[in-house]
Amino acid sequence: MTQTTNALTVQLLEWISKQPRSYEETLDAWRTSCPRLSIWEDACIDGLIEYAPGGRILAVSPKGKLLLESVYRQSDFVGRQGVGAPDEIAYRVAHQKLNK
């Protein structure tokens, strides 16, 4: 993963966590045909997003919440109303801890 995709993954999780999002709304905003920026697909594969089968409302999974908290803690990044870009090292450390 690159710094751009890491920051975009955090941005996606922040976006979903701010208010309930529908599956359709999320796909419209985040799905891409570019194989190098598969933010939505990667977040689903990594278990960072959840929704009930047949459900249409998405949520950040417990694993996704831990990733966000860890990224903020590692980088001393404070979430705010906008979106931020945590640094690369903080993201990698947080992601590695979750995947152990």
C-alpha atoms as a PDB file:
ATOM      1  CA  MET A   1       0.000   0.000   0.000  1.00  0.00           C
ATOM      2  CA  THR A   2       1.104   3.502  -0.689  1.00  0.00           C
ATOM      3  CA  GLN A   3       0.771   6.535   1.507  1.00  0.00           C
ATOM      4  CA  THR A   4      -2.082   7.700  -0.733  1.00  0.00           C
ATOM      5  CA  THR A   5      -4.059   4.482  -0.354  1.00  0.00           C
ATOM      6  CA  ASN A   6      -3.429   4.382   3.400  1.00  0.00           C
ATOM      7  CA  ALA A   7      -4.691   7.941   3.808  1.00  0.00           C
ATOM      8  CA  LEU A   8      -7.685   7.181   1.588  1.00  0.00           C
ATOM      9  CA  THR A   9      -8.531   4.078   3.615  1.00  0.00           C
ATOM     10  CA  VAL A  10      -8.546   6.166   6.794  1.00  0.00           C
ATOM     11  CA  GLN A  11     -10.599   8.814   4.982  1.00  0.00           C
ATOM     12  CA  LEU A  12     -13.149   6.155   3.917  1.00  0.00           C
ATOM     13  CA  LEU A  13     -13.451   4.846   7.479  1.00  0.00           C
ATOM     14  CA  GLU A  14     -13.857   8.378   8.841  1.00  0.00           C
ATOM     15  CA  TRP A  15     -16.500   9.148   6.204  1.00  0.00           C
ATOM     16  CA  ILE A  16     -18.528   6.033   7.050  1.00  0.00           C
ATOM     17  CA  SER A  17     -18.217   6.603  10.809  1.00  0.00           C
ATOM     18  CA  LYS A  18     -19.587  10.176  10.683  1.00  0.00           C
ATOM     19  CA  GLN A  19     -23.140   9.130   9.801  1.00  0.00           C
ATOM     20  CA  PRO A  20     -25.020   6.083   8.571  1.00  0.00           C
ATOM     21  CA  ARG A  21     -24.164   5.401   4.933  1.00  0.00           C
ATOM     22  CA  SER A  22     -26.024   3.211   2.518  1.00  0.00           C
ATOM     23  CA  TYR A  23     -24.258   0.587   0.473  1.00  0.00           C
ATOM     24  CA  GLU A  24     -25.309   2.369  -2.745  1.00  0.00           C
ATOM     25  CA  GLU A  25     -24.107   5.771  -1.528  1.00  0.00           C
ATOM     26  CA  THR A  26     -20.767   4.302  -0.517  1.00  0.00           C
ATOM     27  CA  LEU A  27     -20.223   2.502  -3.807  1.00  0.00           C
ATOM     28  CA  ASP A  28     -21.122   5.649  -5.738  1.00  0.00           C
ATOM     29  CA  ALA A  29     -18.567   7.635  -3.761  1.00  0.00           C
ATOM     30  CA  TRP A  30     -15.759   5.090  -3.324  1.00  0.00           C
ATOM     31  CA  ARG A  31     -15.748   2.387  -5.980  1.00  0.00           C
ATOM     32  CA  THR A  32     -13.221   2.874  -8.747  1.00  0.00           C
ATOM     33  CA  SER A  33     -12.171   1.031 -11.852  1.00  0.00           C
ATOM     34  CA  CYS A  34      -8.525   1.840 -11.197  1.00  0.00           C
ATOM     35  CA  PRO A  35      -6.767  -1.303  -9.917  1.00  0.00           C
ATOM     36  CA  ARG A  36      -4.238   0.824  -8.059  1.00  0.00           C
ATOM     37  CA  LEU A  37      -6.878   2.601  -5.980  1.00  0.00           C
ATOM     38  CA  SER A  38      -9.178  -0.161  -4.796  1.00  0.00           C
ATOM     39  CA  ILE A  39      -9.918   1.545  -1.481  1.00  0.00           C
ATOM     40  CA  TRP A  40     -13.452   0.188  -1.076  1.00  0.00           C
ATOM     41  CA  GLU A  41     -12.541  -3.349  -2.101  1.00  0.00           C
ATOM     42  CA  ASP A  42      -9.413  -3.463   0.076  1.00  0.00           C
ATOM     43  CA  ALA A  43     -11.303  -2.176   3.119  1.00  0.00           C
ATOM     44  CA  CYS A  44     -13.929  -4.901   2.656  1.00  0.00           C
ATOM     45  CA  ILE A  45     -11.306  -7.630   2.185  1.00  0.00           C
ATOM     46  CA  ASP A  46      -9.415  -6.418   5.278  1.00  0.00           C
ATOM     47  CA  GLY A  47     -12.612  -6.569   7.357  1.00  0.00           C
ATOM     48  CA  LEU A  48     -12.637  -2.838   8.100  1.00  0.00           C
ATOM     49  CA  ILE A  49     -16.267  -2.354   7.026  1.00  0.00           C
ATOM     50  CA  GLU A  50     -19.322  -4.378   7.929  1.00  0.00           C
ATOM     51  CA  TYR A  51     -22.942  -4.687   6.983  1.00  0.00           C
ATOM     52  CA  ALA A  52     -25.528  -7.327   7.686  1.00  0.00           C
ATOM     53  CA  PRO A  53     -26.320  -9.718   4.836  1.00  0.00           C
ATOM     54  CA  GLY A  54     -29.201  -8.160   2.950  1.00  0.00           C
ATOM     55  CA  GLY A  55     -28.621  -4.984   4.944  1.00  0.00           C
ATOM     56  CA  ARG A  56     -28.080  -1.734   3.154  1.00  0.00           C
ATOM     57  CA  ILE A  57     -26.465   0.327   5.916  1.00  0.00           C
ATOM     58  CA  LEU A  58     -22.695   0.171   6.373  1.00  0.00           C
ATOM     59  CA  ALA A  59     -20.654   0.635   9.507  1.00  0.00           C
ATOM     60  CA  VAL A  60     -17.002   0.686  10.427  1.00  0.00           C
ATOM     61  CA  SER A  61     -16.234  -2.749  11.873  1.00  0.00           C
ATOM     62  CA  PRO A  62     -14.607  -3.172  15.283  1.00  0.00           C
ATOM     63  CA  LYS A  63     -11.346  -3.897  13.419  1.00  0.00           C
ATOM     64  CA  GLY A  64     -11.777  -0.666  11.420  1.00  0.00           C
ATOM     65  CA  LYS A  65     -12.427   1.312  14.611  1.00  0.00           C
ATOM     66  CA  LEU A  66      -9.289  -0.129  16.179  1.00  0.00           C
ATOM     67  CA  LEU A  67      -7.305   0.831  13.091  1.00  0.00           C
ATOM     68  CA  LEU A  68      -8.577   4.414  13.232  1.00  0.00           C
ATOM     69  CA  GLU A  69      -7.867   4.703  16.961  1.00  0.00           C
ATOM     70  CA  SER A  70      -4.421   3.219  16.540  1.00  0.00           C
ATOM     71  CA  VAL A  71      -3.535   5.486  13.627  1.00  0.00           C
ATOM     72  CA  TYR A  72      -4.608   8.546  15.606  1.00  0.00           C
ATOM     73  CA  ARG A  73      -2.698   7.405  18.670  1.00  0.00           C
ATOM     74  CA  GLN A  74       0.459   6.467  16.748  1.00  0.00           C
ATOM     75  CA  SER A  75       0.662   9.728  14.865  1.00  0.00           C
ATOM     76  CA  ASP A  76      -0.722  12.045  17.554  1.00  0.00           C
ATOM     77  CA  PHE A  77      -3.298  12.890  14.924  1.00  0.00           C
ATOM     78  CA  VAL A  78      -6.479  14.402  16.269  1.00  0.00           C
ATOM     79  CA  GLY A  79      -9.641  13.726  14.270  1.00  0.00           C
ATOM     80  CA  ARG A  80     -11.549  16.784  13.237  1.00  0.00           C
ATOM     81  CA  GLN A  81     -14.606  17.629  11.173  1.00  0.00           C
ATOM     82  CA  GLY A  82     -12.660  17.397   7.925  1.00  0.00           C
ATOM     83  CA  VAL A  83     -10.497  14.507   6.858  1.00  0.00           C
ATOM     84  CA  GLY A  84      -6.894  14.122   7.742  1.00  0.00           C
ATOM     85  CA  ALA A  85      -3.918  12.304   6.379  1.00  0.00           C
ATOM     86  CA  PRO A  86      -2.139  10.299   9.061  1.00  0.00           C
ATOM     87  CA  ASP A  87       1.453   9.562   8.336  1.00  0.00           C
ATOM     88  CA  GLU A  88       2.589   6.387   6.622  1.00  0.00           C
ATOM     89  CA  ILE A  89       4.472   4.870   9.534  1.00  0.00           C
ATOM     90  CA  ALA A  90       1.527   5.220  11.917  1.00  0.00           C
ATOM     91  CA  TYR A  91      -0.771   3.515   9.424  1.00  0.00           C
ATOM     92  CA  ARG A  92       1.598   0.615   8.798  1.00  0.00           C
ATOM     93  CA  VAL A  93       2.226   0.033  12.507  1.00  0.00           C
ATOM     94  CA  ALA A  94      -1.495   0.093  13.255  1.00  0.00           C
ATOM     95  CA  HIS A  95      -2.368  -2.204  10.354  1.00  0.00           C
ATOM     96  CA  GLN A  96       0.365  -4.709  11.239  1.00  0.00           C
ATOM     97  CA  LYS A  97      -0.838  -4.899  14.861  1.00  0.00           C
ATOM     98  CA  LEU A  98      -4.387  -5.633  13.731  1.00  0.00           C
ATOM     99  CA  ASN A  99      -3.295  -8.385  11.363  1.00  0.00           C
ATOM    100  CA  LYS A 100      -1.242 -10.372  13.884  1.00  0.00           C
END
